[in-house]
Amino acid sequence: MRYDYSCDSTGQVVEVQHGMNERFETWGALCERAGLPLGNTPPEAPVRRLISGGNLLLSKSNQIAPPAEASRKPAGHKPSCSCCH
């Protein structure tokens, strides 16, 4: 997923891709993961993850399955039938 982080020292916002349980607390760690130069910001400068919900990235090998109800519909199902209503 992609997340936005803000540097408390500079106000700069950086988008970085990482797992849901992973977090970054310093500018240095964030820049290392994002492949960005530190610039003039000290590597120990604090950063915080912004509440943006993240952006889900999908690939052909990582697709979201359809809802369970959709997979239980009988063969020959029609949207107007009474089996799902």
PDB file of N, CA and C in Angstrom:
ATOM      1  N   MET A   1       0.841  -1.172   0.000  1.00  0.00           N
ATOM      2  CA  MET A   1       0.000   0.000   0.000  1.00  0.00           C
ATOM      3  C   MET A   1       0.890   1.240   0.000  1.00  0.00           C
ATOM      4  N   ARG A   2       0.333   2.324  -0.431  1.00  0.00           N
ATOM      5  CA  ARG A   2       1.060   3.597  -0.454  1.00  0.00           C
ATOM      6  C   ARG A   2       0.538   4.482   0.667  1.00  0.00           C
ATOM      7  N   TYR A   3       1.482   5.134   1.357  1.00  0.00           N
ATOM      8  CA  TYR A   3       1.139   6.012   2.466  1.00  0.00           C
ATOM      9  C   TYR A   3       1.868   7.338   2.317  1.00  0.00           C
ATOM     10  N   ASP A   4       1.259   8.383   2.834  1.00  0.00           N
ATOM     11  CA  ASP A   4       1.871   9.702   2.858  1.00  0.00           C
ATOM     12  C   ASP A   4       2.434   9.958   4.254  1.00  0.00           C
ATOM     13  N   TYR A   5       3.654  10.489   4.295  1.00  0.00           N
ATOM     14  CA  TYR A   5       4.307  10.871   5.548  1.00  0.00           C
ATOM     15  C   TYR A   5       4.666  12.345   5.466  1.00  0.00           C
ATOM     16  N   SER A   6       4.565  13.028   6.595  1.00  0.00           N
ATOM     17  CA  SER A   6       4.925  14.425   6.673  1.00  0.00           C
ATOM     18  C   SER A   6       6.111  14.594   7.616  1.00  0.00           C
ATOM     19  N   CYS A   7       7.074  15.411   7.196  1.00  0.00           N
ATOM     20  CA  CYS A   7       8.216  15.727   8.043  1.00  0.00           C
ATOM     21  C   CYS A   7       7.814  16.896   8.938  1.00  0.00           C
ATOM     22  N   ASP A   8       7.900  16.718  10.240  1.00  0.00           N
ATOM     23  CA  ASP A   8       7.519  17.772  11.180  1.00  0.00           C
ATOM     24  C   ASP A   8       8.434  18.992  11.067  1.00  0.00           C
ATOM     25  N   SER A   9       9.690  18.799  10.698  1.00  0.00           N
ATOM     26  CA  SER A   9      10.647  19.905  10.621  1.00  0.00           C
ATOM     27  C   SER A   9      10.431  20.790   9.401  1.00  0.00           C
ATOM     28  N   THR A  10      10.108  20.180   8.261  1.00  0.00           N
ATOM     29  CA  THR A  10      10.025  20.941   7.013  1.00  0.00           C
ATOM     30  C   THR A  10       8.613  21.050   6.440  1.00  0.00           C
ATOM     31  N   GLY A  11       7.721  20.191   6.882  1.00  0.00           N
ATOM     32  CA  GLY A  11       6.372  20.176   6.323  1.00  0.00           C
ATOM     33  C   GLY A  11       6.284  19.435   5.007  1.00  0.00           C
ATOM     34  N   GLN A  12       7.400  18.867   4.555  1.00  0.00           N
ATOM     35  CA  GLN A  12       7.434  18.140   3.287  1.00  0.00           C
ATOM     36  C   GLN A  12       6.656  16.834   3.421  1.00  0.00           C
ATOM     37  N   VAL A  13       5.891  16.492   2.395  1.00  0.00           N
ATOM     38  CA  VAL A  13       5.117  15.252   2.376  1.00  0.00           C
ATOM     39  C   VAL A  13       5.729  14.310   1.344  1.00  0.00           C
ATOM     40  N   VAL A  14       5.914  13.046   1.747  1.00  0.00           N
ATOM     41  CA  VAL A  14       6.506  12.030   0.889  1.00  0.00           C
ATOM     42  C   VAL A  14       5.562  10.838   0.843  1.00  0.00           C
ATOM     43  N   GLU A  15       5.353  10.301  -0.351  1.00  0.00           N
ATOM     44  CA  GLU A  15       4.562   9.089  -0.511  1.00  0.00           C
ATOM     45  C   GLU A  15       5.514   7.906  -0.619  1.00  0.00           C
ATOM     46  N   VAL A  16       5.234   6.855   0.136  1.00  0.00           N
ATOM     47  CA  VAL A  16       6.094   5.672   0.119  1.00  0.00           C
ATOM     48  C   VAL A  16       5.224   4.419   0.166  1.00  0.00           C
ATOM     49  N   GLN A  17       5.687   3.369  -0.497  1.00  0.00           N
ATOM     50  CA  GLN A  17       4.972   2.101  -0.527  1.00  0.00           C
ATOM     51  C   GLN A  17       5.566   1.171   0.520  1.00  0.00           C
ATOM     52  N   HIS A  18       4.692   0.588   1.350  1.00  0.00           N
ATOM     53  CA  HIS A  18       5.138  -0.398   2.336  1.00  0.00           C
ATOM     54  C   HIS A  18       3.953  -1.179   2.872  1.00  0.00           C
ATOM     55  N   GLY A  19       4.232  -2.217   3.649  1.00  0.00           N
ATOM     56  CA  GLY A  19       3.193  -3.044   4.238  1.00  0.00           C
ATOM     57  C   GLY A  19       2.370  -2.295   5.272  1.00  0.00           C
ATOM     58  N   MET A  20       1.174  -2.797   5.562  1.00  0.00           N
ATOM     59  CA  MET A  20       0.257  -2.126   6.483  1.00  0.00           C
ATOM     60  C   MET A  20       0.818  -1.983   7.896  1.00  0.00           C
ATOM     61  N   ASN A  21       1.576  -2.942   8.366  1.00  0.00           N
ATOM     62  CA  ASN A  21       2.082  -2.912   9.736  1.00  0.00           C
ATOM     63  C   ASN A  21       3.421  -2.198   9.880  1.00  0.00           C
ATOM     64  N   GLU A  22       3.996  -1.793   8.785  1.00  0.00           N
ATOM     65  CA  GLU A  22       5.291  -1.117   8.802  1.00  0.00           C
ATOM     66  C   GLU A  22       5.085   0.385   8.986  1.00  0.00           C
ATOM     67  N   ARG A  23       5.941   1.025   9.780  1.00  0.00           N
ATOM     68  CA  ARG A  23       5.858   2.472  10.007  1.00  0.00           C
ATOM     69  C   ARG A  23       7.258   3.056  10.049  1.00  0.00           C
ATOM     70  N   PHE A  24       7.348   4.331   9.709  1.00  0.00           N
ATOM     71  CA  PHE A  24       8.621   5.039   9.766  1.00  0.00           C
ATOM     72  C   PHE A  24       8.477   6.207  10.727  1.00  0.00           C
ATOM     73  N   GLU A  25       9.500   6.444  11.519  1.00  0.00           N
ATOM     74  CA  GLU A  25       9.452   7.510  12.518  1.00  0.00           C
ATOM     75  C   GLU A  25      10.461   8.612  12.263  1.00  0.00           C
ATOM     76  N   THR A  26      11.445   8.377  11.388  1.00  0.00           N
ATOM     77  CA  THR A  26      12.463   9.396  11.120  1.00  0.00           C
ATOM     78  C   THR A  26      12.585   9.665   9.619  1.00  0.00           C
ATOM     79  N   TRP A  27      13.052  10.874   9.324  1.00  0.00           N
ATOM     80  CA  TRP A  27      13.253  11.282   7.939  1.00  0.00           C
ATOM     81  C   TRP A  27      14.253  10.370   7.237  1.00  0.00           C
ATOM     82  N   GLY A  28      15.316   9.984   7.941  1.00  0.00           N
ATOM     83  CA  GLY A  28      16.332   9.125   7.345  1.00  0.00           C
ATOM     84  C   GLY A  28      15.772   7.769   6.930  1.00  0.00           C
ATOM     85  N   ALA A  29      14.993   7.138   7.817  1.00  0.00           N
ATOM     86  CA  ALA A  29      14.403   5.830   7.505  1.00  0.00           C
ATOM     87  C   ALA A  29      13.402   5.951   6.352  1.00  0.00           C
ATOM     88  N   LEU A  30      12.627   7.017   6.349  1.00  0.00           N
ATOM     89  CA  LEU A  30      11.639   7.233   5.297  1.00  0.00           C
ATOM     90  C   LEU A  30      12.313   7.444   3.944  1.00  0.00           C
ATOM     91  N   CYS A  31      13.338   8.299   3.919  1.00  0.00           N
ATOM     92  CA  CYS A  31      14.047   8.561   2.659  1.00  0.00           C
ATOM     93  C   CYS A  31      14.748   7.315   2.138  1.00  0.00           C
ATOM     94  N   GLU A  32      15.300   6.531   3.041  1.00  0.00           N
ATOM     95  CA  GLU A  32      15.958   5.291   2.620  1.00  0.00           C
ATOM     96  C   GLU A  32      14.963   4.375   1.930  1.00  0.00           C
ATOM     97  N   ARG A  33      13.771   4.201   2.501  1.00  0.00           N
ATOM     98  CA  ARG A  33      12.751   3.329   1.924  1.00  0.00           C
ATOM     99  C   ARG A  33      12.225   3.884   0.596  1.00  0.00           C
ATOM    100  N   ALA A  34      12.036   5.214   0.545  1.00  0.00           N
ATOM    101  CA  ALA A  34      11.492   5.846  -0.663  1.00  0.00           C
ATOM    102  C   ALA A  34      12.543   6.048  -1.749  1.00  0.00           C
ATOM    103  N   GLY A  35      13.831   5.845  -1.415  1.00  0.00           N
ATOM    104  CA  GLY A  35      14.891   6.044  -2.390  1.00  0.00           C
ATOM    105  C   GLY A  35      15.133   7.516  -2.693  1.00  0.00           C
ATOM    106  N   LEU A  36      14.926   8.366  -1.674  1.00  0.00           N
ATOM    107  CA  LEU A  36      15.099   9.810  -1.842  1.00  0.00           C
ATOM    108  C   LEU A  36      16.338  10.289  -1.101  1.00  0.00           C
ATOM    109  N   PRO A  37      16.963  11.364  -1.586  1.00  0.00           N
ATOM    110  CA  PRO A  37      18.093  11.945  -0.838  1.00  0.00           C
ATOM    111  C   PRO A  37      17.577  12.664   0.407  1.00  0.00           C
ATOM    112  N   LEU A  38      18.408  12.725   1.451  1.00  0.00           N
ATOM    113  CA  LEU A  38      18.030  13.408   2.689  1.00  0.00           C
ATOM    114  C   LEU A  38      17.873  14.904   2.490  1.00  0.00           C
ATOM    115  N   GLY A  39      18.627  15.462   1.582  1.00  0.00           N
ATOM    116  CA  GLY A  39      18.604  16.907   1.403  1.00  0.00           C
ATOM    117  C   GLY A  39      19.214  17.576   2.630  1.00  0.00           C
ATOM    118  N   ASN A  40      18.681  18.716   3.024  1.00  0.00           N
ATOM    119  CA  ASN A  40      19.192  19.446   4.185  1.00  0.00           C
ATOM    120  C   ASN A  40      18.515  19.041   5.490  1.00  0.00           C
ATOM    121  N   THR A  41      17.584  18.110   5.428  1.00  0.00           N
ATOM    122  CA  THR A  41      16.850  17.685   6.621  1.00  0.00           C
ATOM    123  C   THR A  41      17.672  16.649   7.379  1.00  0.00           C
ATOM    124  N   PRO A  42      17.832  16.816   8.700  1.00  0.00           N
ATOM    125  CA  PRO A  42      18.578  15.834   9.487  1.00  0.00           C
ATOM    126  C   PRO A  42      17.889  14.467   9.452  1.00  0.00           C
ATOM    127  N   PRO A  43      18.649  13.376   9.373  1.00  0.00           N
ATOM    128  CA  PRO A  43      18.043  12.044   9.281  1.00  0.00           C
ATOM    129  C   PRO A  43      17.201  11.683  10.506  1.00  0.00           C
ATOM    130  N   GLU A  44      17.465  12.294  11.655  1.00  0.00           N
ATOM    131  CA  GLU A  44      16.702  11.975  12.867  1.00  0.00           C
ATOM    132  C   GLU A  44      15.436  12.821  13.016  1.00  0.00           C
ATOM    133  N   ALA A  45      15.152  13.692  12.045  1.00  0.00           N
ATOM    134  CA  ALA A  45      13.946  14.523  12.099  1.00  0.00           C
ATOM    135  C   ALA A  45      12.712  13.614  12.123  1.00  0.00           C
ATOM    136  N   PRO A  46      11.758  13.888  13.014  1.00  0.00           N
ATOM    137  CA  PRO A  46      10.578  13.020  13.111  1.00  0.00           C
ATOM    138  C   PRO A  46       9.633  13.189  11.923  1.00  0.00           C
ATOM    139  N   VAL A  47       9.003  12.089  11.556  1.00  0.00           N
ATOM    140  CA  VAL A  47       7.964  12.094  10.527  1.00  0.00           C
ATOM    141  C   VAL A  47       6.736  11.410  11.108  1.00  0.00           C
ATOM    142  N   ARG A  48       5.599  11.696  10.505  1.00  0.00           N
ATOM    143  CA  ARG A  48       4.374  11.031  10.942  1.00  0.00           C
ATOM    144  C   ARG A  48       3.572  10.635   9.722  1.00  0.00           C
ATOM    145  N   ARG A  49       2.918   9.486   9.839  1.00  0.00           N
ATOM    146  CA  ARG A  49       2.079   8.996   8.749  1.00  0.00           C
ATOM    147  C   ARG A  49       0.773   9.768   8.775  1.00  0.00           C
ATOM    148  N   LEU A  50       0.389  10.276   7.618  1.00  0.00           N
ATOM    149  CA  LEU A  50      -0.848  11.034   7.509  1.00  0.00           C
ATOM    150  C   LEU A  50      -2.029  10.090   7.349  1.00  0.00           C
ATOM    151  N   ILE A  51      -3.156  10.519   7.825  1.00  0.00           N
ATOM    152  CA  ILE A  51      -4.368   9.710   7.696  1.00  0.00           C
ATOM    153  C   ILE A  51      -4.938   9.947   6.316  1.00  0.00           C
ATOM    154  N   SER A  52      -4.643   9.024   5.430  1.00  0.00           N
ATOM    155  CA  SER A  52      -5.126   9.151   4.058  1.00  0.00           C
ATOM    156  C   SER A  52      -5.777   7.871   3.588  1.00  0.00           C
ATOM    157  N   GLY A  53      -5.768   6.823   4.426  1.00  0.00           N
ATOM    158  CA  GLY A  53      -6.381   5.561   4.043  1.00  0.00           C
ATOM    159  C   GLY A  53      -5.475   4.668   3.228  1.00  0.00           C
ATOM    160  N   GLY A  54      -4.412   5.222   2.670  1.00  0.00           N
ATOM    161  CA  GLY A  54      -3.511   4.420   1.848  1.00  0.00           C
ATOM    162  C   GLY A  54      -4.147   4.080   0.514  1.00  0.00           C
ATOM    163  N   ASN A  55      -3.354   3.719  -0.420  1.00  0.00           N
ATOM    164  CA  ASN A  55      -3.833   3.335  -1.745  1.00  0.00           C
ATOM    165  C   ASN A  55      -3.443   1.896  -1.984  1.00  0.00           C
ATOM    166  N   LEU A  56      -4.419   1.072  -2.256  1.00  0.00           N
ATOM    167  CA  LEU A  56      -4.194  -0.345  -2.480  1.00  0.00           C
ATOM    168  C   LEU A  56      -3.663  -0.561  -3.883  1.00  0.00           C
ATOM    169  N   LEU A  57      -2.577  -1.298  -3.985  1.00  0.00           N
ATOM    170  CA  LEU A  57      -1.992  -1.625  -5.281  1.00  0.00           C
ATOM    171  C   LEU A  57      -2.307  -3.070  -5.610  1.00  0.00           C
ATOM    172  N   LEU A  58      -2.793  -3.313  -6.793  1.00  0.00           N
ATOM    173  CA  LEU A  58      -3.122  -4.674  -7.205  1.00  0.00           C
ATOM    174  C   LEU A  58      -2.288  -5.072  -8.403  1.00  0.00           C
ATOM    175  N   SER A  59      -1.923  -6.322  -8.438  1.00  0.00           N
ATOM    176  CA  SER A  59      -1.268  -6.877  -9.615  1.00  0.00           C
ATOM    177  C   SER A  59      -2.044  -8.126 -10.004  1.00  0.00           C
ATOM    178  N   LYS A  60      -1.713  -8.724 -11.106  1.00  0.00           N
ATOM    179  CA  LYS A  60      -2.433  -9.927 -11.526  1.00  0.00           C
ATOM    180  C   LYS A  60      -2.302 -11.047 -10.504  1.00  0.00           C
ATOM    181  N   SER A  61      -1.204 -11.087  -9.776  1.00  0.00           N
ATOM    182  CA  SER A  61      -1.013 -12.144  -8.788  1.00  0.00           C
ATOM    183  C   SER A  61      -1.562 -11.765  -7.420  1.00  0.00           C
ATOM    184  N   ASN A  62      -2.096 -10.544  -7.281  1.00  0.00           N
ATOM    185  CA  ASN A  62      -2.563 -10.069  -5.982  1.00  0.00           C
ATOM    186  C   ASN A  62      -3.922  -9.398  -6.152  1.00  0.00           C
ATOM    187  N   GLN A  63      -4.910 -10.159  -6.631  1.00  0.00           N
ATOM    188  CA  GLN A  63      -6.218  -9.582  -6.875  1.00  0.00           C
ATOM    189  C   GLN A  63      -7.145  -9.861  -5.700  1.00  0.00           C
ATOM    190  N   ILE A  64      -8.070  -8.955  -5.482  1.00  0.00           N
ATOM    191  CA  ILE A  64      -9.050  -9.129  -4.422  1.00  0.00           C
ATOM    192  C   ILE A  64     -10.137 -10.053  -4.935  1.00  0.00           C
ATOM    193  N   ALA A  65     -10.507 -11.024  -4.122  1.00  0.00           N
ATOM    194  CA  ALA A  65     -11.546 -11.973  -4.503  1.00  0.00           C
ATOM    195  C   ALA A  65     -12.908 -11.289  -4.443  1.00  0.00           C
ATOM    196  N   PRO A  66     -13.864 -11.745  -5.234  1.00  0.00           N
ATOM    197  CA  PRO A  66     -15.204 -11.170  -5.174  1.00  0.00           C
ATOM    198  C   PRO A  66     -15.848 -11.504  -3.836  1.00  0.00           C
ATOM    199  N   PRO A  67     -16.879 -10.766  -3.438  1.00  0.00           N
ATOM    200  CA  PRO A  67     -17.559 -11.059  -2.184  1.00  0.00           C
ATOM    201  C   PRO A  67     -18.049 -12.493  -2.154  1.00  0.00           C
ATOM    202  N   ALA A  68     -18.137 -13.088  -0.975  1.00  0.00           N
ATOM    203  CA  ALA A  68     -18.533 -14.483  -0.826  1.00  0.00           C
ATOM    204  C   ALA A  68     -19.907 -14.744  -1.438  1.00  0.00           C
ATOM    205  N   GLU A  69     -20.848 -13.793  -1.307  1.00  0.00           N
ATOM    206  CA  GLU A  69     -22.188 -14.002  -1.854  1.00  0.00           C
ATOM    207  C   GLU A  69     -22.147 -14.238  -3.362  1.00  0.00           C
ATOM    208  N   ALA A  70     -21.253 -13.525  -4.043  1.00  0.00           N
ATOM    209  CA  ALA A  70     -21.179 -13.634  -5.495  1.00  0.00           C
ATOM    210  C   ALA A  70     -20.748 -15.026  -5.913  1.00  0.00           C
ATOM    211  N   SER A  71     -19.907 -15.676  -5.118  1.00  0.00           N
ATOM    212  CA  SER A  71     -19.428 -17.000  -5.496  1.00  0.00           C
ATOM    213  C   SER A  71     -20.429 -18.095  -5.154  1.00  0.00           C
ATOM    214  N   ARG A  72     -21.483 -17.817  -4.382  1.00  0.00           N
ATOM    215  CA  ARG A  72     -22.468 -18.827  -3.995  1.00  0.00           C
ATOM    216  C   ARG A  72     -23.722 -18.784  -4.837  1.00  0.00           C
ATOM    217  N   LYS A  73     -23.800 -17.934  -5.821  1.00  0.00           N
ATOM    218  CA  LYS A  73     -24.988 -17.855  -6.657  1.00  0.00           C
ATOM    219  C   LYS A  73     -25.079 -19.099  -7.531  1.00  0.00           C
ATOM    220  N   PRO A  74     -26.288 -19.632  -7.692  1.00  0.00           N
ATOM    221  CA  PRO A  74     -26.434 -20.852  -8.481  1.00  0.00           C
ATOM    222  C   PRO A  74     -26.156 -20.618  -9.956  1.00  0.00           C
ATOM    223  N   ALA A  75     -25.844 -21.703 -10.661  1.00  0.00           N
ATOM    224  CA  ALA A  75     -25.615 -21.610 -12.099  1.00  0.00           C
ATOM    225  C   ALA A  75     -26.877 -21.092 -12.764  1.00  0.00           C
ATOM    226  N   GLY A  76     -26.725 -20.292 -13.779  1.00  0.00           N
ATOM    227  CA  GLY A  76     -27.867 -19.738 -14.480  1.00  0.00           C
ATOM    228  C   GLY A  76     -28.503 -18.572 -13.734  1.00  0.00           C
ATOM    229  N   HIS A  77     -27.827 -18.052 -12.739  1.00  0.00           N
ATOM    230  CA  HIS A  77     -28.345 -16.937 -11.926  1.00  0.00           C
ATOM    231  C   HIS A  77     -28.632 -15.727 -12.789  1.00  0.00           C
ATOM    232  N   LYS A  78     -29.764 -15.095 -12.519  1.00  0.00           N
ATOM    233  CA  LYS A  78     -30.124 -13.858 -13.201  1.00  0.00           C
ATOM    234  C   LYS A  78     -30.323 -12.787 -12.143  1.00  0.00           C
ATOM    235  N   PRO A  79     -29.912 -11.527 -12.420  1.00  0.00           N
ATOM    236  CA  PRO A  79     -30.029 -10.464 -11.431  1.00  0.00           C
ATOM    237  C   PRO A  79     -31.433 -10.285 -10.871  1.00  0.00           C
ATOM    238  N   SER A  80     -32.469 -10.652 -11.632  1.00  0.00           N
ATOM    239  CA  SER A  80     -33.842 -10.418 -11.183  1.00  0.00           C
ATOM    240  C   SER A  80     -34.432 -11.606 -10.413  1.00  0.00           C
ATOM    241  N   CYS A  81     -33.691 -12.688 -10.253  1.00  0.00           N
ATOM    242  CA  CYS A  81     -34.253 -13.858  -9.563  1.00  0.00           C
ATOM    243  C   CYS A  81     -34.360 -13.583  -8.062  1.00  0.00           C
ATOM    244  N   SER A  82     -35.079 -14.420  -7.356  1.00  0.00           N
ATOM    245  CA  SER A  82     -35.332 -14.211  -5.932  1.00  0.00           C
ATOM    246  C   SER A  82     -34.297 -14.887  -5.032  1.00  0.00           C
ATOM    247  N   CYS A  83     -33.331 -15.565  -5.574  1.00  0.00           N
ATOM    248  CA  CYS A  83     -32.386 -16.313  -4.742  1.00  0.00           C
ATOM    249  C   CYS A  83     -31.455 -15.397  -3.952  1.00  0.00           C
ATOM    250  N   CYS A  84     -31.265 -14.179  -4.362  1.00  0.00           N
ATOM    251  CA  CYS A  84     -30.333 -13.275  -3.686  1.00  0.00           C
ATOM    252  C   CYS A  84     -31.036 -12.124  -2.987  1.00  0.00           C
ATOM    253  N   HIS A  85     -32.324 -12.080  -3.053  1.00  0.00           N
ATOM    254  CA  HIS A  85     -33.044 -10.930  -2.495  1.00  0.00           C
ATOM    255  C   HIS A  85     -33.823 -11.313  -1.280  1.00  0.00           C
TER     256      HIS A  85
END
